[in-house]
């Protein structure tokens, strides 16, 4: 531990807002973003080495921790959590729900969003592999995925109302 409590408090107050915004932009979940940022600041606190630029360390460590968390998250688990497929009506089967989702996709998603969703969820590709196959960055894949899932959630939520 190389910092006094007062010094560390100053570093935390100064850099926490930027770190939390960055983490949230990657993870799109406030609790996960807070967890990642807490881990980064814990590493900084426990570090025995001198950091020349606190901001650079915090931003890079936050980015890397977010990418590691995204990579570690099981893609199939994320889609199941995003779209619980428990039918509300006893008459509606899971196959009908899947058919409804696939029929809806072309009307509410852009071509690029459909390509990304297809690669990630139908073909089971990682974000990195999908990015390579579509000649995009991993962050672009993340952006398209988040936007597509948001559109789908809103569409089906509005339809239920």
N, C-alpha and C. Protein backbone atom coordinates (compact mmCIF):
# COMPACT_ATOMS: atom_id res chain seq x y z
N UNK A 1 0.86 -1.17 0.00
CA UNK A 1 0.00 0.00 0.00
C UNK A 1 0.89 1.22 0.00
N UNK A 2 0.81 1.99 -1.06
CA UNK A 2 1.70 3.15 -1.21
C UNK A 2 0.99 4.47 -0.94
N UNK A 3 -0.32 4.46 -0.76
CA UNK A 3 -1.08 5.70 -0.61
C UNK A 3 -1.58 5.86 0.81
N UNK A 4 -1.63 7.11 1.25
CA UNK A 4 -2.31 7.39 2.51
C UNK A 4 -3.81 7.35 2.21
N UNK A 5 -4.59 7.27 3.24
CA UNK A 5 -6.04 7.23 3.05
C UNK A 5 -6.51 8.50 2.37
N UNK A 6 -5.96 9.61 2.75
CA UNK A 6 -6.37 10.91 2.18
C UNK A 6 -6.00 10.98 0.69
N UNK A 7 -4.80 10.52 0.34
CA UNK A 7 -4.38 10.53 -1.07
C UNK A 7 -5.29 9.62 -1.91
N UNK A 8 -5.55 8.43 -1.38
CA UNK A 8 -6.38 7.49 -2.12
C UNK A 8 -7.80 8.01 -2.26
N UNK A 9 -8.31 8.63 -1.23
CA UNK A 9 -9.65 9.22 -1.29
C UNK A 9 -9.72 10.28 -2.39
N UNK A 10 -8.67 11.07 -2.52
CA UNK A 10 -8.62 12.10 -3.57
C UNK A 10 -8.62 11.44 -4.96
N UNK A 11 -7.81 10.40 -5.13
CA UNK A 11 -7.75 9.68 -6.40
C UNK A 11 -9.13 9.08 -6.72
N UNK A 12 -9.75 8.48 -5.73
CA UNK A 12 -11.05 7.83 -5.91
C UNK A 12 -12.11 8.85 -6.33
N UNK A 13 -12.19 9.94 -5.61
CA UNK A 13 -13.20 10.97 -5.90
C UNK A 13 -12.98 11.55 -7.29
N UNK A 14 -11.73 11.71 -7.66
CA UNK A 14 -11.42 12.33 -8.95
C UNK A 14 -11.70 11.41 -10.14
N UNK A 15 -11.42 10.12 -10.00
CA UNK A 15 -11.48 9.21 -11.15
C UNK A 15 -12.65 8.24 -11.15
N UNK A 16 -13.37 8.11 -10.04
CA UNK A 16 -14.48 7.16 -9.99
C UNK A 16 -15.55 7.45 -11.04
N UNK A 17 -16.02 8.71 -11.19
CA UNK A 17 -17.10 8.94 -12.16
C UNK A 17 -16.73 8.53 -13.59
N UNK A 18 -15.52 8.83 -14.00
CA UNK A 18 -15.09 8.46 -15.35
C UNK A 18 -15.00 6.94 -15.50
N UNK A 19 -14.47 6.28 -14.47
CA UNK A 19 -14.33 4.82 -14.51
C UNK A 19 -15.69 4.13 -14.55
N UNK A 20 -16.64 4.63 -13.78
CA UNK A 20 -17.97 4.00 -13.75
C UNK A 20 -18.69 4.21 -15.08
N UNK A 21 -18.53 5.38 -15.70
CA UNK A 21 -19.13 5.61 -17.02
C UNK A 21 -18.54 4.66 -18.05
N UNK A 22 -17.23 4.50 -18.01
CA UNK A 22 -16.57 3.61 -18.97
C UNK A 22 -17.05 2.17 -18.77
N UNK A 23 -17.07 1.72 -17.53
CA UNK A 23 -17.50 0.34 -17.25
C UNK A 23 -18.95 0.13 -17.68
N UNK A 24 -19.80 1.10 -17.40
CA UNK A 24 -21.21 0.97 -17.78
C UNK A 24 -21.37 0.94 -19.29
N UNK A 25 -20.54 1.72 -20.01
CA UNK A 25 -20.64 1.72 -21.47
C UNK A 25 -20.27 0.36 -22.06
N UNK A 26 -19.41 -0.38 -21.38
CA UNK A 26 -19.06 -1.73 -21.85
C UNK A 26 -20.10 -2.76 -21.41
N UNK A 27 -20.52 -2.68 -20.15
CA UNK A 27 -21.30 -3.76 -19.56
C UNK A 27 -22.81 -3.54 -19.58
N UNK A 28 -23.23 -2.30 -19.66
CA UNK A 28 -24.66 -1.96 -19.70
C UNK A 28 -25.41 -2.50 -18.49
N UNK A 29 -24.73 -2.59 -17.38
CA UNK A 29 -25.35 -3.04 -16.13
C UNK A 29 -24.66 -2.30 -15.00
N UNK A 30 -25.43 -1.53 -14.23
CA UNK A 30 -24.84 -0.68 -13.21
C UNK A 30 -24.13 -1.49 -12.12
N UNK A 31 -24.72 -2.59 -11.69
CA UNK A 31 -24.10 -3.41 -10.65
C UNK A 31 -22.78 -4.01 -11.12
N UNK A 32 -22.77 -4.55 -12.33
CA UNK A 32 -21.52 -5.10 -12.88
C UNK A 32 -20.47 -4.00 -13.04
N UNK A 33 -20.90 -2.84 -13.50
CA UNK A 33 -19.96 -1.72 -13.67
C UNK A 33 -19.35 -1.34 -12.33
N UNK A 34 -20.17 -1.25 -11.29
CA UNK A 34 -19.65 -0.90 -9.96
C UNK A 34 -18.69 -1.98 -9.44
N UNK A 35 -19.02 -3.25 -9.69
CA UNK A 35 -18.13 -4.33 -9.27
C UNK A 35 -16.76 -4.22 -9.93
N UNK A 36 -16.76 -3.97 -11.23
CA UNK A 36 -15.51 -3.86 -11.97
C UNK A 36 -14.68 -2.68 -11.45
N UNK A 37 -15.32 -1.54 -11.28
CA UNK A 37 -14.59 -0.35 -10.81
C UNK A 37 -14.06 -0.57 -9.40
N UNK A 38 -14.84 -1.23 -8.57
CA UNK A 38 -14.37 -1.53 -7.22
C UNK A 38 -13.13 -2.42 -7.27
N UNK A 39 -13.14 -3.42 -8.15
CA UNK A 39 -11.97 -4.30 -8.30
C UNK A 39 -10.74 -3.49 -8.74
N UNK A 40 -10.94 -2.56 -9.66
CA UNK A 40 -9.82 -1.74 -10.17
C UNK A 40 -9.24 -0.89 -9.04
N UNK A 41 -10.09 -0.24 -8.28
CA UNK A 41 -9.59 0.60 -7.19
C UNK A 41 -8.97 -0.25 -6.08
N UNK A 42 -9.47 -1.44 -5.88
CA UNK A 42 -8.85 -2.35 -4.90
C UNK A 42 -7.45 -2.73 -5.36
N UNK A 43 -7.29 -3.02 -6.64
CA UNK A 43 -5.95 -3.33 -7.18
C UNK A 43 -5.00 -2.16 -6.99
N UNK A 44 -5.50 -0.97 -7.26
CA UNK A 44 -4.67 0.23 -7.09
C UNK A 44 -4.27 0.39 -5.63
N UNK A 45 -5.21 0.20 -4.72
CA UNK A 45 -4.95 0.35 -3.28
C UNK A 45 -3.93 -0.67 -2.80
N UNK A 46 -4.05 -1.91 -3.28
CA UNK A 46 -3.18 -2.99 -2.84
C UNK A 46 -1.85 -3.01 -3.57
N UNK A 47 -1.73 -2.25 -4.63
CA UNK A 47 -0.51 -2.24 -5.43
C UNK A 47 0.66 -1.65 -4.65
N UNK A 48 1.80 -2.30 -4.76
CA UNK A 48 3.01 -1.79 -4.11
C UNK A 48 3.87 -0.98 -5.07
N UNK A 49 3.52 -0.98 -6.34
CA UNK A 49 4.30 -0.24 -7.32
C UNK A 49 3.75 1.17 -7.47
N UNK A 50 4.59 2.05 -7.96
CA UNK A 50 4.20 3.44 -8.16
C UNK A 50 3.56 3.58 -9.53
N UNK A 51 2.41 4.20 -9.56
CA UNK A 51 1.68 4.43 -10.81
C UNK A 51 1.93 5.87 -11.21
N UNK A 52 2.48 6.06 -12.40
CA UNK A 52 2.81 7.43 -12.83
C UNK A 52 1.56 8.23 -13.21
N UNK A 53 0.59 7.58 -13.80
CA UNK A 53 -0.65 8.27 -14.17
C UNK A 53 -1.83 7.45 -13.64
N UNK A 54 -2.46 7.97 -12.61
CA UNK A 54 -3.60 7.26 -12.02
C UNK A 54 -4.73 7.12 -13.03
N UNK A 55 -4.98 8.17 -13.78
CA UNK A 55 -6.07 8.13 -14.75
C UNK A 55 -5.82 7.05 -15.80
N UNK A 56 -4.62 6.99 -16.34
CA UNK A 56 -4.30 6.00 -17.36
C UNK A 56 -4.44 4.58 -16.80
N UNK A 57 -3.93 4.37 -15.58
CA UNK A 57 -4.03 3.06 -14.95
C UNK A 57 -5.49 2.66 -14.76
N UNK A 58 -6.28 3.57 -14.21
CA UNK A 58 -7.68 3.27 -13.90
C UNK A 58 -8.47 3.00 -15.18
N UNK A 59 -8.27 3.82 -16.20
CA UNK A 59 -9.01 3.63 -17.46
C UNK A 59 -8.61 2.31 -18.12
N UNK A 60 -7.32 2.05 -18.21
CA UNK A 60 -6.87 0.81 -18.85
C UNK A 60 -7.32 -0.41 -18.07
N UNK A 61 -7.17 -0.37 -16.75
CA UNK A 61 -7.57 -1.50 -15.92
C UNK A 61 -9.08 -1.73 -15.99
N UNK A 62 -9.85 -0.65 -16.02
CA UNK A 62 -11.31 -0.77 -16.12
C UNK A 62 -11.70 -1.38 -17.46
N UNK A 63 -11.10 -0.89 -18.53
CA UNK A 63 -11.38 -1.42 -19.86
C UNK A 63 -11.06 -2.92 -19.93
N UNK A 64 -9.88 -3.28 -19.45
CA UNK A 64 -9.47 -4.69 -19.49
C UNK A 64 -10.37 -5.57 -18.64
N UNK A 65 -10.73 -5.09 -17.46
CA UNK A 65 -11.62 -5.87 -16.58
C UNK A 65 -12.99 -6.05 -17.23
N UNK A 66 -13.48 -5.02 -17.89
CA UNK A 66 -14.78 -5.13 -18.59
C UNK A 66 -14.70 -6.14 -19.72
N UNK A 67 -13.64 -6.06 -20.52
CA UNK A 67 -13.49 -7.01 -21.63
C UNK A 67 -13.37 -8.44 -21.11
N UNK A 68 -12.66 -8.62 -20.01
CA UNK A 68 -12.55 -9.95 -19.41
C UNK A 68 -13.91 -10.45 -18.93
N UNK A 69 -14.69 -9.56 -18.34
CA UNK A 69 -16.02 -9.95 -17.85
C UNK A 69 -16.94 -10.32 -19.02
N UNK A 70 -16.88 -9.54 -20.09
CA UNK A 70 -17.71 -9.84 -21.26
C UNK A 70 -17.31 -11.19 -21.84
N UNK A 71 -16.02 -11.42 -21.94
CA UNK A 71 -15.53 -12.68 -22.50
C UNK A 71 -15.95 -13.87 -21.65
N UNK A 72 -15.94 -13.68 -20.33
CA UNK A 72 -16.24 -14.78 -19.42
C UNK A 72 -17.74 -15.07 -19.34
N UNK A 73 -18.55 -14.13 -19.73
CA UNK A 73 -20.00 -14.32 -19.64
C UNK A 73 -20.46 -15.30 -20.71
N UNK A 74 -21.18 -16.28 -20.29
CA UNK A 74 -21.70 -17.26 -21.24
C UNK A 74 -22.77 -16.60 -22.09
N UNK A 75 -22.56 -16.59 -23.39
CA UNK A 75 -23.46 -15.90 -24.31
C UNK A 75 -24.87 -16.48 -24.25
N UNK A 76 -24.95 -17.75 -24.21
CA UNK A 76 -26.28 -18.36 -24.19
C UNK A 76 -27.03 -18.02 -22.90
N UNK A 77 -26.32 -17.93 -21.79
CA UNK A 77 -26.96 -17.55 -20.53
C UNK A 77 -27.49 -16.13 -20.62
N UNK A 78 -26.75 -15.25 -21.29
CA UNK A 78 -27.20 -13.87 -21.42
C UNK A 78 -28.49 -13.76 -22.23
N UNK A 79 -28.61 -14.52 -23.29
CA UNK A 79 -29.83 -14.43 -24.10
C UNK A 79 -31.01 -15.01 -23.34
N UNK A 80 -30.79 -16.08 -22.60
CA UNK A 80 -31.87 -16.67 -21.81
C UNK A 80 -32.35 -15.67 -20.76
N UNK A 81 -31.42 -14.96 -20.13
CA UNK A 81 -31.80 -13.97 -19.13
C UNK A 81 -32.48 -12.77 -19.77
N UNK A 82 -32.09 -12.43 -20.99
CA UNK A 82 -32.69 -11.29 -21.66
C UNK A 82 -34.09 -11.58 -22.17
N UNK A 83 -34.32 -12.82 -22.58
CA UNK A 83 -35.61 -13.21 -23.13
C UNK A 83 -36.11 -14.47 -22.45
N UNK A 84 -36.67 -14.33 -21.28
CA UNK A 84 -37.23 -15.54 -20.65
C UNK A 84 -38.37 -16.07 -21.52
N UNK A 85 -38.27 -17.33 -21.86
CA UNK A 85 -39.23 -17.89 -22.80
C UNK A 85 -40.31 -18.71 -22.10
N UNK A 86 -40.74 -18.23 -20.97
CA UNK A 86 -41.85 -18.87 -20.27
C UNK A 86 -43.14 -18.36 -20.88
N UNK A 87 -43.89 -19.18 -21.52
CA UNK A 87 -45.13 -18.72 -22.15
C UNK A 87 -46.13 -18.24 -21.10
N UNK A 88 -46.78 -17.12 -21.40
CA UNK A 88 -47.82 -16.61 -20.52
C UNK A 88 -49.10 -17.43 -20.69
N UNK A 89 -49.38 -17.81 -21.93
CA UNK A 89 -50.55 -18.62 -22.20
C UNK A 89 -50.13 -20.08 -22.25
N UNK A 90 -50.97 -20.92 -21.72
CA UNK A 90 -50.65 -22.33 -21.77
C UNK A 90 -50.73 -22.86 -23.20
N UNK A 91 -51.46 -22.16 -24.05
CA UNK A 91 -51.64 -22.59 -25.44
C UNK A 91 -50.43 -22.29 -26.31
N UNK A 92 -49.67 -21.25 -25.94
CA UNK A 92 -48.56 -20.81 -26.79
C UNK A 92 -47.31 -21.64 -26.48
N UNK A 93 -46.81 -22.34 -27.47
CA UNK A 93 -45.64 -23.19 -27.27
C UNK A 93 -44.36 -22.40 -27.46
N UNK A 94 -43.27 -22.97 -27.00
CA UNK A 94 -41.96 -22.35 -27.16
C UNK A 94 -41.62 -22.19 -28.64
N UNK A 95 -42.01 -23.18 -29.46
CA UNK A 95 -41.75 -23.10 -30.90
C UNK A 95 -42.46 -21.89 -31.52
N UNK A 96 -43.66 -21.61 -31.06
CA UNK A 96 -44.40 -20.46 -31.57
C UNK A 96 -43.73 -19.16 -31.17
N UNK A 97 -43.20 -19.14 -29.97
CA UNK A 97 -42.49 -17.94 -29.50
C UNK A 97 -41.24 -17.71 -30.34
N UNK A 98 -40.46 -18.78 -30.57
CA UNK A 98 -39.27 -18.65 -31.41
C UNK A 98 -39.65 -18.19 -32.81
N UNK A 99 -40.71 -18.75 -33.37
CA UNK A 99 -41.15 -18.36 -34.70
C UNK A 99 -41.53 -16.88 -34.72
N UNK A 100 -42.20 -16.43 -33.67
CA UNK A 100 -42.60 -15.03 -33.57
C UNK A 100 -41.38 -14.12 -33.52
N UNK A 101 -40.38 -14.52 -32.74
CA UNK A 101 -39.15 -13.72 -32.64
C UNK A 101 -38.47 -13.64 -34.00
N UNK A 102 -38.31 -14.77 -34.67
CA UNK A 102 -37.64 -14.78 -35.98
C UNK A 102 -38.43 -14.01 -37.04
N UNK A 103 -39.74 -14.03 -36.95
CA UNK A 103 -40.57 -13.29 -37.89
C UNK A 103 -40.46 -11.79 -37.64
N UNK A 104 -40.27 -11.41 -36.38
CA UNK A 104 -40.21 -10.00 -36.00
C UNK A 104 -38.86 -9.37 -36.32
N UNK A 105 -37.79 -10.14 -36.28
CA UNK A 105 -36.44 -9.61 -36.45
C UNK A 105 -36.27 -8.70 -37.67
N UNK A 106 -36.68 -9.12 -38.86
CA UNK A 106 -36.44 -8.26 -40.03
C UNK A 106 -37.15 -6.90 -39.96
N UNK A 107 -38.26 -6.85 -39.28
CA UNK A 107 -39.01 -5.59 -39.27
C UNK A 107 -38.49 -4.57 -38.26
N UNK A 108 -37.76 -5.01 -37.23
CA UNK A 108 -37.32 -4.03 -36.22
C UNK A 108 -35.81 -3.86 -36.10
N UNK A 109 -35.05 -4.76 -36.70
CA UNK A 109 -33.59 -4.65 -36.62
C UNK A 109 -33.00 -4.26 -37.97
N UNK A 110 -31.89 -3.53 -37.90
CA UNK A 110 -31.17 -3.20 -39.13
C UNK A 110 -30.48 -4.47 -39.64
N UNK A 111 -30.03 -4.42 -40.89
CA UNK A 111 -29.31 -5.58 -41.45
C UNK A 111 -28.10 -5.93 -40.60
N UNK A 112 -27.33 -4.93 -40.20
CA UNK A 112 -26.12 -5.17 -39.42
C UNK A 112 -26.46 -5.77 -38.05
N UNK A 113 -27.50 -5.26 -37.41
CA UNK A 113 -27.91 -5.81 -36.11
C UNK A 113 -28.33 -7.28 -36.26
N UNK A 114 -29.05 -7.59 -37.33
CA UNK A 114 -29.45 -8.98 -37.57
C UNK A 114 -28.24 -9.87 -37.80
N UNK A 115 -27.26 -9.37 -38.55
CA UNK A 115 -26.04 -10.14 -38.79
C UNK A 115 -25.32 -10.43 -37.48
N UNK A 116 -25.21 -9.42 -36.64
CA UNK A 116 -24.51 -9.58 -35.36
C UNK A 116 -25.26 -10.56 -34.46
N UNK A 117 -26.57 -10.37 -34.33
CA UNK A 117 -27.39 -11.26 -33.49
C UNK A 117 -27.31 -12.69 -34.00
N UNK A 118 -27.35 -12.86 -35.31
CA UNK A 118 -27.25 -14.20 -35.89
C UNK A 118 -25.92 -14.86 -35.53
N UNK A 119 -24.83 -14.11 -35.68
CA UNK A 119 -23.51 -14.67 -35.39
C UNK A 119 -23.37 -15.02 -33.90
N UNK A 120 -23.83 -14.13 -33.04
CA UNK A 120 -23.65 -14.32 -31.60
C UNK A 120 -24.56 -15.42 -31.06
N UNK A 121 -25.84 -15.35 -31.40
CA UNK A 121 -26.80 -16.25 -30.76
C UNK A 121 -27.15 -17.48 -31.57
N UNK A 122 -27.21 -17.39 -32.87
CA UNK A 122 -27.55 -18.57 -33.67
C UNK A 122 -26.32 -19.44 -33.90
N UNK A 123 -25.21 -18.78 -34.25
CA UNK A 123 -24.00 -19.55 -34.55
C UNK A 123 -23.12 -19.74 -33.32
N UNK A 124 -23.42 -19.03 -32.22
CA UNK A 124 -22.67 -19.21 -30.98
C UNK A 124 -21.27 -18.64 -31.01
N UNK A 125 -21.02 -17.67 -31.88
CA UNK A 125 -19.69 -17.07 -31.97
C UNK A 125 -19.42 -16.16 -30.77
N UNK A 126 -18.16 -16.02 -30.44
CA UNK A 126 -17.77 -15.04 -29.43
C UNK A 126 -17.82 -13.66 -30.07
N UNK A 127 -17.80 -12.63 -29.24
CA UNK A 127 -17.79 -11.27 -29.78
C UNK A 127 -16.58 -11.07 -30.69
N UNK A 128 -15.45 -11.62 -30.28
CA UNK A 128 -14.22 -11.47 -31.06
C UNK A 128 -14.34 -12.14 -32.42
N UNK A 129 -14.87 -13.36 -32.45
CA UNK A 129 -15.04 -14.07 -33.72
C UNK A 129 -16.06 -13.37 -34.62
N UNK A 130 -17.15 -12.91 -34.02
CA UNK A 130 -18.16 -12.19 -34.80
C UNK A 130 -17.57 -10.91 -35.37
N UNK A 131 -16.77 -10.22 -34.58
CA UNK A 131 -16.14 -8.98 -35.05
C UNK A 131 -15.23 -9.28 -36.24
N UNK A 132 -14.47 -10.34 -36.15
CA UNK A 132 -13.56 -10.71 -37.23
C UNK A 132 -14.34 -11.08 -38.49
N UNK A 133 -15.42 -11.84 -38.35
CA UNK A 133 -16.16 -12.28 -39.53
C UNK A 133 -16.92 -11.14 -40.20
N UNK A 134 -17.28 -10.11 -39.42
CA UNK A 134 -18.01 -8.98 -39.99
C UNK A 134 -17.11 -7.77 -40.24
N UNK A 135 -15.82 -7.93 -39.96
CA UNK A 135 -14.84 -6.85 -40.13
C UNK A 135 -15.24 -5.61 -39.31
N UNK A 136 -15.55 -5.86 -38.03
CA UNK A 136 -15.90 -4.80 -37.09
C UNK A 136 -15.05 -4.94 -35.84
N UNK A 137 -15.08 -3.94 -34.99
CA UNK A 137 -14.39 -4.03 -33.71
C UNK A 137 -15.29 -4.76 -32.71
N UNK A 138 -14.69 -5.26 -31.64
CA UNK A 138 -15.45 -5.94 -30.60
C UNK A 138 -16.43 -4.96 -29.95
N UNK A 139 -16.01 -3.72 -29.77
CA UNK A 139 -16.92 -2.74 -29.16
C UNK A 139 -18.10 -2.45 -30.09
N UNK A 140 -17.90 -2.48 -31.39
CA UNK A 140 -19.01 -2.29 -32.33
C UNK A 140 -19.99 -3.47 -32.23
N UNK A 141 -19.45 -4.68 -32.10
CA UNK A 141 -20.30 -5.86 -31.93
C UNK A 141 -21.13 -5.70 -30.65
N UNK A 142 -20.48 -5.25 -29.59
CA UNK A 142 -21.19 -5.03 -28.32
C UNK A 142 -22.31 -3.99 -28.51
N UNK A 143 -21.99 -2.91 -29.19
CA UNK A 143 -22.97 -1.84 -29.42
C UNK A 143 -24.17 -2.36 -30.22
N UNK A 144 -23.91 -3.07 -31.31
CA UNK A 144 -25.00 -3.60 -32.13
C UNK A 144 -25.84 -4.61 -31.34
N UNK A 145 -25.19 -5.44 -30.53
CA UNK A 145 -25.91 -6.43 -29.73
C UNK A 145 -26.82 -5.75 -28.72
N UNK A 146 -26.28 -4.78 -28.00
CA UNK A 146 -27.06 -4.07 -26.99
C UNK A 146 -28.25 -3.36 -27.63
N UNK A 147 -28.01 -2.68 -28.75
CA UNK A 147 -29.10 -1.98 -29.43
C UNK A 147 -30.18 -2.95 -29.92
N UNK A 148 -29.76 -4.06 -30.48
CA UNK A 148 -30.72 -5.04 -30.99
C UNK A 148 -31.54 -5.64 -29.86
N UNK A 149 -30.88 -6.01 -28.78
CA UNK A 149 -31.61 -6.59 -27.64
C UNK A 149 -32.56 -5.59 -27.02
N UNK A 150 -32.15 -4.32 -26.97
CA UNK A 150 -33.03 -3.28 -26.44
C UNK A 150 -34.28 -3.14 -27.32
N UNK A 151 -34.08 -3.14 -28.65
CA UNK A 151 -35.22 -3.03 -29.56
C UNK A 151 -36.17 -4.21 -29.39
N UNK A 152 -35.59 -5.41 -29.28
CA UNK A 152 -36.43 -6.60 -29.13
C UNK A 152 -37.20 -6.58 -27.81
N UNK A 153 -36.51 -6.22 -26.73
CA UNK A 153 -37.19 -6.12 -25.43
C UNK A 153 -38.35 -5.13 -25.49
N UNK A 154 -38.07 -3.95 -26.03
CA UNK A 154 -39.12 -2.93 -26.12
C UNK A 154 -40.28 -3.39 -26.99
N UNK A 155 -39.97 -4.03 -28.11
CA UNK A 155 -41.01 -4.51 -29.00
C UNK A 155 -41.93 -5.49 -28.29
N UNK A 156 -41.36 -6.50 -27.63
CA UNK A 156 -42.18 -7.52 -27.00
C UNK A 156 -42.84 -7.01 -25.72
N UNK A 157 -42.21 -6.08 -25.03
CA UNK A 157 -42.81 -5.47 -23.85
C UNK A 157 -44.03 -4.64 -24.26
N UNK A 158 -43.90 -3.86 -25.32
CA UNK A 158 -45.01 -3.05 -25.80
C UNK A 158 -46.14 -3.91 -26.35
N UNK A 159 -45.79 -5.02 -26.95
CA UNK A 159 -46.79 -5.91 -27.51
C UNK A 159 -47.63 -6.56 -26.41
N UNK A 160 -47.02 -6.83 -25.26
CA UNK A 160 -47.74 -7.43 -24.14
C UNK A 160 -48.69 -6.46 -23.49
N UNK A 161 -48.37 -5.16 -23.59
CA UNK A 161 -49.21 -4.15 -22.93
C UNK A 161 -50.53 -3.94 -23.62
